[in-house]
PDB file of N, CA and C in Angstrom:
ATOM      1  N   UNK A   1       0.686  -1.103  -0.153  1.00  0.00           N
ATOM      2  CA  UNK A   1      -0.127  -0.104   0.027  1.00  0.00           C
ATOM      3  C   UNK A   1       0.833   1.146  -0.108  1.00  0.00           C
ATOM      4  N   UNK A   2       0.643   2.054  -0.879  1.00  0.00           N
ATOM      5  CA  UNK A   2       1.361   3.345  -1.246  1.00  0.00           C
ATOM      6  C   UNK A   2       0.944   4.401  -0.372  1.00  0.00           C
ATOM      7  N   UNK A   3       1.609   5.339   0.012  1.00  0.00           N
ATOM      8  CA  UNK A   3       0.969   6.523   0.596  1.00  0.00           C
ATOM      9  C   UNK A   3       0.717   7.597  -0.361  1.00  0.00           C
ATOM     10  N   UNK A   4       1.102   7.403  -1.602  1.00  0.00           N
ATOM     11  CA  UNK A   4       0.732   8.437  -2.611  1.00  0.00           C
ATOM     12  C   UNK A   4      -0.657   8.470  -2.992  1.00  0.00           C
ATOM     13  N   UNK A   5      -1.354   7.250  -2.636  1.00  0.00           N
ATOM     14  CA  UNK A   5      -2.996   7.272  -3.056  1.00  0.00           C
ATOM     15  C   UNK A   5      -3.548   8.217  -2.044  1.00  0.00           C
ATOM     16  N   UNK A   6      -2.942   8.334  -0.749  1.00  0.00           N
ATOM     17  CA  UNK A   6      -3.686   8.973   0.399  1.00  0.00           C
ATOM     18  C   UNK A   6      -3.315  10.357   0.395  1.00  0.00           C
ATOM     19  N   UNK A   7      -2.477  10.842  -0.518  1.00  0.00           N
ATOM     20  CA  UNK A   7      -1.756  12.174  -0.319  1.00  0.00           C
ATOM     21  C   UNK A   7      -3.019  13.108  -0.720  1.00  0.00           C
ATOM     22  N   UNK A   8      -3.148  14.341   0.101  1.00  0.00           N
ATOM     23  CA  UNK A   8      -4.110  15.364  -0.128  1.00  0.00           C
ATOM     24  C   UNK A   8      -3.999  16.007  -1.594  1.00  0.00           C
ATOM     25  N   UNK A   9      -5.122  15.587  -2.267  1.00  0.00           N
ATOM     26  CA  UNK A   9      -5.118  16.380  -3.623  1.00  0.00           C
ATOM     27  C   UNK A   9      -4.638  17.684  -4.140  1.00  0.00           C
ATOM     28  N   UNK A  10      -4.996  18.655  -3.328  1.00  0.00           N
ATOM     29  CA  UNK A  10      -4.120  20.077  -3.424  1.00  0.00           C
ATOM     30  C   UNK A  10      -2.703  19.874  -3.269  1.00  0.00           C
ATOM     31  N   UNK A  11      -2.153  19.060  -2.611  1.00  0.00           N
ATOM     32  CA  UNK A  11      -0.683  18.871  -2.181  1.00  0.00           C
ATOM     33  C   UNK A  11      -0.161  18.059  -3.577  1.00  0.00           C
ATOM     34  N   UNK A  12      -1.070  17.129  -4.089  1.00  0.00           N
ATOM     35  CA  UNK A  12      -0.573  16.309  -5.071  1.00  0.00           C
ATOM     36  C   UNK A  12      -0.490  16.981  -6.263  1.00  0.00           C
ATOM     37  N   UNK A  13      -1.491  18.077  -6.456  1.00  0.00           N
ATOM     38  CA  UNK A  13      -1.371  19.036  -7.456  1.00  0.00           C
ATOM     39  C   UNK A  13      -0.118  19.691  -7.483  1.00  0.00           C
ATOM     40  N   UNK A  14       0.290  20.311  -6.369  1.00  0.00           N
ATOM     41  CA  UNK A  14       1.536  21.053  -6.458  1.00  0.00           C
ATOM     42  C   UNK A  14       2.741  20.369  -6.779  1.00  0.00           C
ATOM     43  N   UNK A  15       2.765  19.007  -6.153  1.00  0.00           N
ATOM     44  CA  UNK A  15       3.715  18.058  -6.570  1.00  0.00           C
ATOM     45  C   UNK A  15       4.031  17.955  -7.783  1.00  0.00           C
ATOM     46  N   UNK A  16       2.762  17.478  -8.607  1.00  0.00           N
ATOM     47  CA  UNK A  16       2.818  17.343 -10.102  1.00  0.00           C
ATOM     48  C   UNK A  16       3.352  18.672 -10.948  1.00  0.00           C
ATOM     49  N   UNK A  17       2.811  19.752 -10.343  1.00  0.00           N
ATOM     50  CA  UNK A  17       3.277  20.916 -11.183  1.00  0.00           C
ATOM     51  C   UNK A  17       4.708  21.307 -11.014  1.00  0.00           C
ATOM     52  N   UNK A  18       5.264  20.578 -10.008  1.00  0.00           N
ATOM     53  CA  UNK A  18       6.817  20.951  -9.893  1.00  0.00           C
ATOM     54  C   UNK A  18       7.560  19.854 -10.561  1.00  0.00           C
ATOM     55  N   UNK A  19       6.902  18.870 -11.223  1.00  0.00           N
ATOM     56  CA  UNK A  19       7.435  17.904 -12.111  1.00  0.00           C
ATOM     57  C   UNK A  19       8.487  18.628 -13.285  1.00  0.00           C
ATOM     58  N   UNK A  20       7.754  19.507 -14.036  1.00  0.00           N
ATOM     59  CA  UNK A  20       8.288  20.208 -15.046  1.00  0.00           C
ATOM     60  C   UNK A  20       9.528  20.845 -14.635  1.00  0.00           C
ATOM     61  N   UNK A  21       9.634  21.763 -13.639  1.00  0.00           N
ATOM     62  CA  UNK A  21      10.849  22.340 -13.074  1.00  0.00           C
ATOM     63  C   UNK A  21      11.802  21.743 -12.461  1.00  0.00           C
ATOM     64  N   UNK A  22      11.368  20.506 -11.668  1.00  0.00           N
ATOM     65  CA  UNK A  22      12.272  19.994 -10.768  1.00  0.00           C
ATOM     66  C   UNK A  22      12.003  18.449 -11.341  1.00  0.00           C
ATOM     67  N   UNK A  23      12.405  17.832 -12.115  1.00  0.00           N
ATOM     68  CA  UNK A  23      12.006  16.278 -12.549  1.00  0.00           C
ATOM     69  C   UNK A  23      12.764  15.519 -11.555  1.00  0.00           C
ATOM     70  N   UNK A  24      13.783  15.706 -11.085  1.00  0.00           N
ATOM     71  CA  UNK A  24      14.813  14.728 -10.497  1.00  0.00           C
ATOM     72  C   UNK A  24      13.976  14.750  -8.986  1.00  0.00           C
ATOM     73  N   UNK A  25      14.071  15.701  -8.380  1.00  0.00           N
ATOM     74  CA  UNK A  25      13.893  15.766  -7.099  1.00  0.00           C
ATOM     75  C   UNK A  25      12.285  15.356  -6.801  1.00  0.00           C
ATOM     76  N   UNK A  26      11.388  16.060  -7.657  1.00  0.00           N
ATOM     77  CA  UNK A  26       9.932  15.683  -7.649  1.00  0.00           C
ATOM     78  C   UNK A  26       9.779  13.855  -7.893  1.00  0.00           C
ATOM     79  N   UNK A  27      10.603  13.549  -8.681  1.00  0.00           N
ATOM     80  CA  UNK A  27      10.407  11.988  -8.886  1.00  0.00           C
ATOM     81  C   UNK A  27      10.929  11.237  -7.745  1.00  0.00           C
ATOM     82  N   UNK A  28      12.094  11.669  -7.136  1.00  0.00           N
ATOM     83  CA  UNK A  28      12.445  11.454  -5.857  1.00  0.00           C
ATOM     84  C   UNK A  28      11.389  11.122  -4.743  1.00  0.00           C
ATOM     85  N   UNK A  29      10.618  11.996  -4.575  1.00  0.00           N
ATOM     86  CA  UNK A  29       9.546  12.160  -3.419  1.00  0.00           C
ATOM     87  C   UNK A  29       8.267  11.310  -4.138  1.00  0.00           C
ATOM     88  N   UNK A  30       8.075  11.337  -5.298  1.00  0.00           N
ATOM     89  CA  UNK A  30       6.954  10.345  -5.794  1.00  0.00           C
ATOM     90  C   UNK A  30       7.443   8.861  -5.564  1.00  0.00           C
ATOM     91  N   UNK A  31       8.547   8.551  -5.838  1.00  0.00           N
ATOM     92  CA  UNK A  31       9.210   7.289  -5.690  1.00  0.00           C
ATOM     93  C   UNK A  31       9.096   6.993  -4.091  1.00  0.00           C
ATOM     94  N   UNK A  32       9.553   7.841  -3.192  1.00  0.00           N
ATOM     95  CA  UNK A  32       9.709   7.591  -1.747  1.00  0.00           C
ATOM     96  C   UNK A  32       8.154   7.434  -1.359  1.00  0.00           C
ATOM     97  N   UNK A  33       7.079   8.158  -1.984  1.00  0.00           N
ATOM     98  CA  UNK A  33       5.623   7.882  -1.646  1.00  0.00           C
ATOM     99  C   UNK A  33       5.078   6.565  -1.748  1.00  0.00           C
ATOM    100  N   UNK A  34       5.756   6.119  -3.023  1.00  0.00           N
ATOM    101  CA  UNK A  34       5.200   4.893  -3.613  1.00  0.00           C
ATOM    102  C   UNK A  34       5.777   3.749  -2.643  1.00  0.00           C
ATOM    103  N   UNK A  35       6.997   3.872  -2.234  1.00  0.00           N
ATOM    104  CA  UNK A  35       7.368   2.620  -1.382  1.00  0.00           C
ATOM    105  C   UNK A  35       7.128   2.907   0.052  1.00  0.00           C
ATOM    106  N   UNK A  36       6.635   3.931   0.584  1.00  0.00           N
ATOM    107  CA  UNK A  36       6.355   3.905   1.942  1.00  0.00           C
ATOM    108  C   UNK A  36       4.882   3.493   2.251  1.00  0.00           C
ATOM    109  N   UNK A  37       4.900   2.698   3.373  1.00  0.00           N
ATOM    110  CA  UNK A  37       3.568   2.125   3.900  1.00  0.00           C
ATOM    111  C   UNK A  37       3.099   2.924   5.070  1.00  0.00           C
ATOM    112  N   UNK A  38       4.099   3.636   5.751  1.00  0.00           N
ATOM    113  CA  UNK A  38       3.626   4.416   6.814  1.00  0.00           C
ATOM    114  C   UNK A  38       4.427   5.826   6.953  1.00  0.00           C
ATOM    115  N   UNK A  39       3.935   6.887   7.408  1.00  0.00           N
ATOM    116  CA  UNK A  39       4.575   8.183   7.298  1.00  0.00           C
ATOM    117  C   UNK A  39       5.818   7.932   7.939  1.00  0.00           C
ATOM    118  N   UNK A  40       6.351   7.353   8.715  1.00  0.00           N
ATOM    119  CA  UNK A  40       7.721   7.235   9.225  1.00  0.00           C
ATOM    120  C   UNK A  40       8.586   6.614   8.143  1.00  0.00           C
ATOM    121  N   UNK A  41       8.181   6.124   7.285  1.00  0.00           N
ATOM    122  CA  UNK A  41       9.069   5.684   6.184  1.00  0.00           C
ATOM    123  C   UNK A  41       9.419   6.848   5.206  1.00  0.00           C
ATOM    124  N   UNK A  42       8.872   7.729   5.279  1.00  0.00           N
ATOM    125  CA  UNK A  42       9.327   9.044   4.414  1.00  0.00           C
ATOM    126  C   UNK A  42      10.469   9.535   4.657  1.00  0.00           C
ATOM    127  N   UNK A  43      11.372  10.022   3.739  1.00  0.00           N
ATOM    128  CA  UNK A  43      12.632  10.605   4.049  1.00  0.00           C
ATOM    129  C   UNK A  43      12.252  12.062   4.817  1.00  0.00           C
ATOM    130  N   UNK A  44      13.209  12.455   5.482  1.00  0.00           N
ATOM    131  CA  UNK A  44      13.072  13.988   5.936  1.00  0.00           C
ATOM    132  C   UNK A  44      12.746  15.085   4.671  1.00  0.00           C
ATOM    133  N   UNK A  45      13.434  14.849   3.837  1.00  0.00           N
ATOM    134  CA  UNK A  45      13.514  15.716   2.516  1.00  0.00           C
ATOM    135  C   UNK A  45      11.960  15.830   1.944  1.00  0.00           C
ATOM    136  N   UNK A  46      11.526  14.474   1.957  1.00  0.00           N
ATOM    137  CA  UNK A  46      10.111  14.261   1.153  1.00  0.00           C
ATOM    138  C   UNK A  46       9.169  14.882   2.251  1.00  0.00           C
ATOM    139  N   UNK A  47       9.247  14.671   3.378  1.00  0.00           N
ATOM    140  CA  UNK A  47       8.202  15.083   4.281  1.00  0.00           C
ATOM    141  C   UNK A  47       8.193  16.499   4.540  1.00  0.00           C
ATOM    142  N   UNK A  48       9.429  17.275   4.293  1.00  0.00           N
ATOM    143  CA  UNK A  48       9.642  18.553   4.447  1.00  0.00           C
ATOM    144  C   UNK A  48       8.839  19.568   3.314  1.00  0.00           C
ATOM    145  N   UNK A  49       9.072  18.756   2.101  1.00  0.00           N
ATOM    146  CA  UNK A  49       8.696  19.279   0.915  1.00  0.00           C
ATOM    147  C   UNK A  49       7.152  19.076   0.904  1.00  0.00           C
ATOM    148  N   UNK A  50       6.722  18.287   1.325  1.00  0.00           N
ATOM    149  CA  UNK A  50       5.255  18.111   1.342  1.00  0.00           C
ATOM    150  C   UNK A  50       4.491  18.894   2.121  1.00  0.00           C
ATOM    151  N   UNK A  51       5.203  18.983   3.415  1.00  0.00           N
ATOM    152  CA  UNK A  51       4.692  20.126   4.391  1.00  0.00           C
ATOM    153  C   UNK A  51       4.608  21.279   3.836  1.00  0.00           C
ATOM    154  N   UNK A  52       5.642  21.703   3.053  1.00  0.00           N
ATOM    155  CA  UNK A  52       5.721  23.106   2.511  1.00  0.00           C
ATOM    156  C   UNK A  52       4.582  23.264   1.417  1.00  0.00           C
ATOM    157  N   UNK A  53       4.375  22.278   0.753  1.00  0.00           N
ATOM    158  CA  UNK A  53       3.332  22.314  -0.319  1.00  0.00           C
ATOM    159  C   UNK A  53       2.087  22.676   0.596  1.00  0.00           C
ATOM    160  N   UNK A  54       1.764  21.927   1.704  1.00  0.00           N
ATOM    161  CA  UNK A  54       0.562  22.059   2.259  1.00  0.00           C
ATOM    162  C   UNK A  54       0.362  23.483   2.895  1.00  0.00           C
ATOM    163  N   UNK A  55       1.618  24.058   3.391  1.00  0.00           N
ATOM    164  CA  UNK A  55       1.246  25.442   3.910  1.00  0.00           C
ATOM    165  C   UNK A  55       1.202  26.413   2.670  1.00  0.00           C
ATOM    166  N   UNK A  56       1.617  26.058   1.390  1.00  0.00           N
ATOM    167  CA  UNK A  56       1.281  26.854   0.244  1.00  0.00           C
ATOM    168  C   UNK A  56      -0.427  26.725  -0.245  1.00  0.00           C
ATOM    169  N   UNK A  57      -0.944  25.656  -0.096  1.00  0.00           N
ATOM    170  CA  UNK A  57      -2.339  25.724  -0.087  1.00  0.00           C
ATOM    171  C   UNK A  57      -3.194  25.928   0.891  1.00  0.00           C
ATOM    172  N   UNK A  58      -2.713  26.346   1.935  1.00  0.00           N
ATOM    173  CA  UNK A  58      -3.463  26.851   3.279  1.00  0.00           C
ATOM    174  C   UNK A  58      -3.989  25.776   3.971  1.00  0.00           C
ATOM    175  N   UNK A  59      -3.592  24.622   4.153  1.00  0.00           N
ATOM    176  CA  UNK A  59      -4.137  23.499   4.859  1.00  0.00           C
ATOM    177  C   UNK A  59      -4.452  23.816   6.252  1.00  0.00           C
ATOM    178  N   UNK A  60      -5.396  23.526   6.840  1.00  0.00           N
ATOM    179  CA  UNK A  60      -5.765  23.919   8.130  1.00  0.00           C
ATOM    180  C   UNK A  60      -5.754  22.620   8.746  1.00  0.00           C
ATOM    181  N   UNK A  61      -4.813  22.315  10.080  1.00  0.00           N
ATOM    182  CA  UNK A  61      -4.646  21.220  10.559  1.00  0.00           C
ATOM    183  C   UNK A  61      -5.783  20.717  11.521  1.00  0.00           C
ATOM    184  N   UNK A  62      -6.242  21.684  12.331  1.00  0.00           N
ATOM    185  CA  UNK A  62      -7.216  21.192  13.240  1.00  0.00           C
ATOM    186  C   UNK A  62      -6.997  20.263  14.374  1.00  0.00           C
ATOM    187  N   UNK A  63      -5.637  20.605  14.709  1.00  0.00           N
ATOM    188  CA  UNK A  63      -5.241  19.395  15.799  1.00  0.00           C
ATOM    189  C   UNK A  63      -4.273  20.063  16.845  1.00  0.00           C
ATOM    190  N   UNK A  64      -4.238  19.366  17.979  1.00  0.00           N
ATOM    191  CA  UNK A  64      -3.674  20.285  18.750  1.00  0.00           C
ATOM    192  C   UNK A  64      -2.114  20.196  18.586  1.00  0.00           C
ATOM    193  N   UNK A  65      -1.414  20.972  19.259  1.00  0.00           N
ATOM    194  CA  UNK A  65      -0.064  20.987  18.863  1.00  0.00           C
ATOM    195  C   UNK A  65       0.480  21.246  17.325  1.00  0.00           C
ATOM    196  N   UNK A  66      -0.176  22.097  16.715  1.00  0.00           N
ATOM    197  CA  UNK A  66      -0.011  22.202  15.245  1.00  0.00           C
ATOM    198  C   UNK A  66       1.400  22.587  14.678  1.00  0.00           C
ATOM    199  N   UNK A  67       2.370  22.747  15.978  1.00  0.00           N
ATOM    200  CA  UNK A  67       3.782  22.753  15.432  1.00  0.00           C
ATOM    201  C   UNK A  67       4.338  21.385  15.363  1.00  0.00           C
ATOM    202  N   UNK A  68       3.670  20.370  15.653  1.00  0.00           N
ATOM    203  CA  UNK A  68       4.309  19.114  15.480  1.00  0.00           C
ATOM    204  C   UNK A  68       4.487  18.739  13.914  1.00  0.00           C
ATOM    205  N   UNK A  69       5.494  18.556  13.620  1.00  0.00           N
ATOM    206  CA  UNK A  69       6.053  18.003  12.447  1.00  0.00           C
ATOM    207  C   UNK A  69       5.218  16.634  11.909  1.00  0.00           C
ATOM    208  N   UNK A  70       5.230  15.642  12.843  1.00  0.00           N
ATOM    209  CA  UNK A  70       4.723  14.304  12.524  1.00  0.00           C
ATOM    210  C   UNK A  70       3.026  14.367  12.412  1.00  0.00           C
ATOM    211  N   UNK A  71       2.481  15.218  13.510  1.00  0.00           N
ATOM    212  CA  UNK A  71       1.127  15.420  13.280  1.00  0.00           C
ATOM    213  C   UNK A  71       0.632  16.164  11.988  1.00  0.00           C
ATOM    214  N   UNK A  72       1.428  16.987  11.725  1.00  0.00           N
ATOM    215  CA  UNK A  72       0.883  17.806  10.398  1.00  0.00           C
ATOM    216  C   UNK A  72       1.139  16.912   9.212  1.00  0.00           C
ATOM    217  N   UNK A  73       2.268  16.051   9.210  1.00  0.00           N
ATOM    218  CA  UNK A  73       2.205  15.070   8.231  1.00  0.00           C
ATOM    219  C   UNK A  73       1.399  14.106   8.061  1.00  0.00           C
ATOM    220  N   UNK A  74       1.029  13.491   9.075  1.00  0.00           N
ATOM    221  CA  UNK A  74      -0.434  12.452   9.294  1.00  0.00           C
ATOM    222  C   UNK A  74      -1.563  13.068   8.501  1.00  0.00           C
ATOM    223  N   UNK A  75      -1.559  14.406   9.079  1.00  0.00           N
ATOM    224  CA  UNK A  75      -3.020  15.182   8.576  1.00  0.00           C
ATOM    225  C   UNK A  75      -2.828  15.248   6.953  1.00  0.00           C
ATOM    226  N   UNK A  76      -1.940  15.428   6.203  1.00  0.00           N
ATOM    227  CA  UNK A  76      -1.986  15.570   4.894  1.00  0.00           C
ATOM    228  C   UNK A  76      -2.102  14.266   4.025  1.00  0.00           C
ATOM    229  N   UNK A  77      -2.019  13.208   4.879  1.00  0.00           N
ATOM    230  CA  UNK A  77      -2.522  11.898   4.495  1.00  0.00           C
ATOM    231  C   UNK A  77      -3.842  11.455   4.858  1.00  0.00           C
ATOM    232  N   UNK A  78      -4.579  12.586   5.493  1.00  0.00           N
ATOM    233  CA  UNK A  78      -6.116  12.193   5.926  1.00  0.00           C
ATOM    234  C   UNK A  78      -6.059  11.272   7.149  1.00  0.00           C
ATOM    235  N   UNK A  79      -5.104  11.404   7.994  1.00  0.00           N
ATOM    236  CA  UNK A  79      -5.111  10.383   9.133  1.00  0.00           C
ATOM    237  C   UNK A  79      -5.054  11.151  10.350  1.00  0.00           C
TER     238      UNK A  79
END
């Protein structure tokens, strides 16, 4: 089971848009998402980039401790 299918659609759209300008790094993130079964399997680089995309789309976390890197990461996968 890949995390890619659970990724927030708005975040996925930004990821896809970056494919043209940054094909190598974007493909590395997609490959990482496809091979990851749980959020903890993601590289720090992939996780940080995905959270930056979430911030760009104005994602609201509605969770306590919104400064928590891991909790924000779970939220962009709908968990």
